[in-house]
Amino acid sequence: MSGDTNEPGVTPREMMSIAASRLLSNDDVCFVGIGAPSAACNVARLTHAPDITLIYESGTLGTAPDVLPLSIGDPELCQTALTTVSVPEMFRYWLQGGRITIGFLGAAQLDKYGNINTTVIGDYHRPKTRLPGAGGAPEIATSAQQIYITMAQSRRGMVEKIDFMTSIGHGDGGDYRQRLGIATRGPTLLITDLAIWRPEPVTKEFTVVSLHPGVTRDMVQESCGWTVKFADRVETTPPPTALELQTLRELQARTDAAHQRRGAGR
């Protein structure tokens, strides 16, 4: 089952995960986040990129989970890893040593230059919402060779100006990273539930290069807080193949069943 499928019921989140998975290769060493990034990386591993190296922040190397982890401390990660190293070694040797080709990040707020906020909504000292915080994201954003961002689109999440810069993207655009002495490429892809975006080569402003099946330009603009720019030639993201969809759904079904068993065993 490898042909295109027009099967109804493909959700925007499934389309986002599958679109992101296709952008990974056997040669990649990925610093994987929880949620959509984990789904994308493991679909890639189970389909077209069986030799991809997945690394989680807890220090697991060559991880091949049978189910998606609930957190970076999920025992599934250690049980299926080639080896586990300390967190300091993970960051100093692997990440800051330039050995990570792709760092996956999510965002509570994102601006058009790929700057990320996962700290607070509103004023820092009197926030409307206190978010989970930075974790290792600032180091990933500066030390991974390039960054892929995955998030569902909303005007609340994709904003003209983020309330707090947790992880740097391209700053205010142009050569901002280079002026700070950051040699890595920064955000090179934004994969949402509606489209695929790439930074414009000079300004570094995210630009839509591909719309997912059934998505219009108006839909993208309506769910984005800045004026969206579209590439001169906007492609249509190929729909999920039967294999991709089956792999993702079976992975999710195994995950749901495993987490239910864990909950029942408490």
Protein backbone atom coordinates (compact mmCIF):
# COMPACT_ATOMS: atom_id res chain seq x y z
CA MET A 1 0.00 0.00 0.00
CA SER A 2 2.11 2.87 -1.24
CA GLY A 3 -0.10 4.83 -3.62
CA ASP A 4 -1.76 8.16 -2.90
CA THR A 5 -4.93 7.98 -0.90
CA ASN A 6 -7.93 10.26 -1.00
CA GLU A 7 -9.37 8.51 2.01
CA PRO A 8 -11.75 10.86 3.83
CA GLY A 9 -11.13 11.77 7.42
CA VAL A 10 -7.45 12.70 7.17
CA THR A 11 -7.13 15.26 9.94
CA PRO A 12 -5.09 18.47 9.73
CA ARG A 13 -2.84 17.15 12.50
CA GLU A 14 -2.22 13.91 10.56
CA MET A 15 -1.40 15.94 7.46
CA MET A 16 1.04 18.07 9.48
CA SER A 17 2.83 15.05 10.96
CA ILE A 18 3.12 13.27 7.62
CA ALA A 19 4.26 16.40 5.77
CA ALA A 20 6.97 16.90 8.39
CA SER A 21 8.05 13.24 8.26
CA ARG A 22 8.73 13.48 4.52
CA LEU A 23 11.31 16.20 5.10
CA LEU A 24 13.59 13.83 7.02
CA SER A 25 16.18 11.45 5.58
CA ASN A 26 18.22 8.41 6.59
CA ASP A 27 21.26 10.64 7.18
CA ASP A 28 19.58 12.92 9.69
CA VAL A 29 20.36 13.04 13.39
CA CYS A 30 17.24 14.56 14.93
CA PHE A 31 16.76 16.14 18.32
CA VAL A 32 13.13 15.13 18.79
CA GLY A 33 10.44 16.96 20.72
CA ILE A 34 7.33 15.46 22.27
CA GLY A 35 4.02 15.51 20.39
CA ALA A 36 3.87 16.25 16.66
CA PRO A 37 7.68 16.20 16.19
CA SER A 38 7.87 12.75 17.77
CA ALA A 39 5.09 11.48 15.52
CA ALA A 40 6.77 12.91 12.42
CA CYS A 41 10.21 11.49 13.23
CA ASN A 42 8.90 8.03 14.02
CA VAL A 43 6.71 7.87 10.91
CA ALA A 44 9.84 8.70 8.91
CA ARG A 45 11.76 5.95 10.75
CA LEU A 46 9.00 3.41 10.08
CA THR A 47 8.64 4.28 6.38
CA HIS A 48 11.27 5.89 4.15
CA ALA A 49 14.10 6.60 6.64
CA PRO A 50 14.76 3.45 8.70
CA ASP A 51 18.35 4.53 9.49
CA ILE A 52 17.49 7.96 10.87
CA THR A 53 19.00 8.64 14.31
CA LEU A 54 16.51 9.92 16.88
CA ILE A 55 17.76 11.63 20.03
CA TYR A 56 15.57 12.78 22.91
CA GLU A 57 16.49 15.42 25.46
CA SER A 58 16.70 12.90 28.32
CA GLY A 59 19.86 11.48 26.74
CA THR A 60 18.58 8.54 24.69
CA LEU A 61 20.50 7.91 21.46
CA GLY A 62 19.24 5.87 18.51
CA THR A 63 15.79 5.65 20.03
CA ALA A 64 13.21 3.46 18.25
CA PRO A 65 10.04 3.64 20.34
CA ASP A 66 7.13 1.33 19.56
CA VAL A 67 4.76 3.92 21.01
CA LEU A 68 4.99 7.70 21.24
CA PRO A 69 6.41 8.91 24.57
CA LEU A 70 4.34 10.95 26.98
CA SER A 71 7.41 12.97 27.96
CA ILE A 72 11.19 12.96 27.58
CA GLY A 73 11.28 10.85 30.76
CA ASP A 74 9.06 8.11 29.36
CA PRO A 75 10.72 4.69 30.00
CA GLU A 76 9.85 3.67 26.44
CA LEU A 77 12.72 5.87 25.26
CA CYS A 78 15.43 4.22 27.36
CA GLN A 79 14.10 0.74 26.69
CA THR A 80 14.37 1.19 22.91
CA ALA A 81 17.55 3.30 22.68
CA LEU A 82 20.95 2.06 21.56
CA THR A 83 22.38 3.79 24.61
CA THR A 84 21.60 6.52 27.12
CA VAL A 85 24.01 9.28 28.09
CA SER A 86 23.84 12.01 30.72
CA VAL A 87 21.97 15.20 29.90
CA PRO A 88 25.18 17.31 30.14
CA GLU A 89 26.88 14.97 27.66
CA MET A 90 23.84 15.13 25.40
CA PHE A 91 23.97 18.92 25.25
CA ARG A 92 27.74 19.49 25.28
CA TYR A 93 28.97 16.71 23.02
CA TRP A 94 26.01 16.04 20.74
CA LEU A 95 24.12 19.31 20.48
CA GLN A 96 26.75 21.97 21.06
CA GLY A 97 29.27 19.79 19.25
CA GLY A 98 27.30 20.32 16.02
CA ARG A 99 26.26 16.69 15.62
CA ILE A 100 22.49 17.34 15.41
CA THR A 101 21.33 17.96 11.83
CA ILE A 102 17.69 18.75 12.66
CA GLY A 103 16.21 20.18 15.84
CA PHE A 104 12.42 20.00 16.11
CA LEU A 105 10.70 22.73 18.12
CA GLY A 106 7.12 23.71 18.85
CA ALA A 107 5.81 27.09 19.96
CA ALA A 108 3.06 28.67 22.01
CA GLN A 109 3.75 31.89 20.11
CA LEU A 110 5.69 32.31 16.88
CA ASP A 111 6.48 35.38 14.79
CA LYS A 112 7.19 35.64 11.07
CA TYR A 113 10.94 35.33 11.62
CA GLY A 114 10.70 32.07 13.52
CA ASN A 115 11.26 33.49 17.00
CA ILE A 116 9.58 31.30 19.62
CA ASN A 117 7.85 31.98 22.92
CA THR A 118 7.17 29.15 25.35
CA THR A 119 7.58 31.21 28.54
CA VAL A 120 4.67 33.60 29.20
CA ILE A 121 1.63 35.11 27.52
CA GLY A 122 1.34 38.77 28.42
CA ASP A 123 3.74 40.82 30.53
CA TYR A 124 6.55 38.71 31.98
CA HIS A 125 6.04 40.04 35.51
CA ARG A 126 2.24 39.82 35.39
CA PRO A 127 1.53 37.17 32.77
CA LYS A 128 -1.91 36.14 31.63
CA THR A 129 -0.56 32.60 31.28
CA ARG A 130 2.62 31.04 32.58
CA LEU A 131 3.87 28.49 30.01
CA PRO A 132 6.12 25.44 30.55
CA GLY A 133 9.27 27.43 29.83
CA ALA A 134 12.43 27.00 27.82
CA GLY A 135 13.78 23.56 28.66
CA GLY A 136 16.54 22.88 26.16
CA ALA A 137 14.90 24.83 23.33
CA PRO A 138 17.21 27.89 23.38
CA GLU A 139 20.27 25.65 23.02
CA ILE A 140 18.60 23.60 20.29
CA ALA A 141 17.66 26.80 18.43
CA THR A 142 21.27 27.99 18.34
CA SER A 143 23.26 24.73 18.12
CA ALA A 144 21.32 22.34 15.86
CA GLN A 145 22.40 22.73 12.24
CA GLN A 146 18.86 23.73 11.30
CA ILE A 147 15.46 23.95 12.99
CA TYR A 148 12.08 22.61 11.91
CA ILE A 149 9.07 24.10 13.68
CA THR A 150 5.71 22.31 13.87
CA MET A 151 2.52 23.90 15.17
CA ALA A 152 -1.18 24.19 14.51
CA GLN A 153 -2.08 27.55 13.05
CA SER A 154 -4.07 30.13 15.02
CA ARG A 155 -4.06 33.90 15.29
CA ARG A 156 -3.31 33.49 18.98
CA GLY A 157 -0.22 31.40 18.26
CA MET A 158 1.15 33.02 15.09
CA VAL A 159 1.54 36.65 16.09
CA GLU A 160 3.09 39.84 14.78
CA LYS A 161 5.19 40.19 17.95
CA ILE A 162 5.79 37.49 20.53
CA ASP A 163 5.38 38.42 24.20
CA PHE A 164 8.72 36.90 25.23
CA MET A 165 11.62 35.49 23.22
CA THR A 166 12.38 32.06 24.60
CA SER A 167 14.25 30.68 21.57
CA ILE A 168 15.78 32.78 18.84
CA GLY A 169 14.83 32.28 15.23
CA HIS A 170 15.97 34.93 12.77
CA GLY A 171 15.54 37.84 15.20
CA ASP A 172 14.36 40.86 13.22
CA GLY A 173 15.34 39.24 9.92
CA GLY A 174 18.19 39.39 7.48
CA ASP A 175 21.61 38.52 8.90
CA TYR A 176 20.52 38.85 12.54
CA ARG A 177 21.92 35.47 13.56
CA GLN A 178 25.25 36.11 11.88
CA ARG A 179 25.55 39.48 13.63
CA LEU A 180 25.21 37.65 16.94
CA GLY A 181 27.90 35.18 15.94
CA ILE A 182 25.48 32.24 15.56
CA ALA A 183 26.77 30.06 12.73
CA THR A 184 23.88 27.60 12.43
CA ARG A 185 21.04 28.11 9.92
CA GLY A 186 18.19 28.51 12.38
CA PRO A 187 14.58 27.84 11.32
CA THR A 188 14.51 26.53 7.76
CA LEU A 189 11.01 25.01 7.77
CA LEU A 190 7.68 25.69 9.43
CA ILE A 191 5.19 22.87 9.04
CA THR A 192 1.66 23.67 10.15
CA ASP A 193 -1.66 21.91 9.86
CA LEU A 194 -2.41 24.06 6.79
CA ALA A 195 0.83 24.67 4.92
CA ILE A 196 4.59 24.37 4.59
CA TRP A 197 6.59 27.58 4.99
CA ARG A 198 10.24 28.44 4.29
CA PRO A 199 12.15 31.61 5.16
CA GLU A 200 12.66 34.03 2.30
CA PRO A 201 16.40 33.86 1.49
CA VAL A 202 17.22 37.53 2.18
CA THR A 203 14.64 38.83 4.66
CA LYS A 204 14.21 35.43 6.44
CA GLU A 205 10.46 36.04 6.72
CA PHE A 206 8.49 32.80 6.62
CA THR A 207 6.76 32.39 3.25
CA VAL A 208 4.17 29.78 2.26
CA VAL A 209 5.59 27.41 -0.34
CA SER A 210 2.98 24.63 -0.22
CA LEU A 211 -0.68 24.39 0.78
CA HIS A 212 -2.04 21.13 2.14
CA PRO A 213 -4.89 19.51 0.15
CA GLY A 214 -8.12 21.48 0.40
CA VAL A 215 -6.48 24.52 2.04
CA THR A 216 -6.86 27.98 0.49
CA ARG A 217 -4.76 31.11 0.86
CA ASP A 218 -7.62 32.75 2.72
CA MET A 219 -7.67 29.92 5.27
CA VAL A 220 -3.96 30.41 5.93
CA GLN A 221 -4.34 34.18 6.32
CA GLU A 222 -7.38 33.89 8.58
CA SER A 223 -5.42 31.77 11.04
CA CYS A 224 -2.26 33.90 11.07
CA GLY A 225 -1.64 37.13 12.96
CA TRP A 226 0.68 38.72 10.41
CA THR A 227 0.22 39.48 6.71
CA VAL A 228 1.15 36.24 5.02
CA LYS A 229 3.53 36.17 2.08
CA PHE A 230 3.18 33.45 -0.52
CA ALA A 231 5.93 32.17 -2.82
CA ASP A 232 5.71 33.03 -6.51
CA ARG A 233 4.88 29.39 -7.10
CA VAL A 234 2.87 27.72 -4.36
CA GLU A 235 2.74 23.94 -4.56
CA THR A 236 0.08 21.58 -3.24
CA THR A 237 1.36 19.20 -0.59
CA PRO A 238 0.84 15.63 -1.83
CA PRO A 239 -1.86 13.85 0.19
CA PRO A 240 -0.78 11.08 2.56
CA THR A 241 -0.06 7.74 0.97
CA ALA A 242 -1.88 4.71 2.27
CA LEU A 243 1.37 3.51 3.86
CA GLU A 244 2.04 6.83 5.59
CA LEU A 245 -1.49 7.06 6.95
CA GLN A 246 -1.56 3.44 8.08
CA THR A 247 1.83 3.82 9.80
CA LEU A 248 0.80 6.98 11.66
CA ARG A 249 -2.58 5.62 12.73
CA GLU A 250 -1.17 2.29 13.90
CA LEU A 251 1.52 4.14 15.85
CA GLN A 252 -1.13 6.32 17.47
CA ALA A 253 -3.35 3.31 18.24
CA ARG A 254 -0.44 1.49 19.93
CA THR A 255 0.31 4.64 21.88
CA ASP A 256 -3.26 5.08 23.08
CA ALA A 257 -3.50 1.43 24.12
CA ALA A 258 -0.18 1.52 25.98
CA HIS A 259 -1.05 4.68 27.86
CA GLN A 260 -4.45 3.27 28.83
CA ARG A 261 -2.76 0.16 30.22
CA ARG A 262 -0.34 2.28 32.21
CA GLY A 263 -3.20 4.32 33.60
CA ALA A 264 -5.16 1.22 34.57
CA GLY A 265 -2.13 -0.23 36.33
CA ARG A 266 -1.71 2.68 38.72
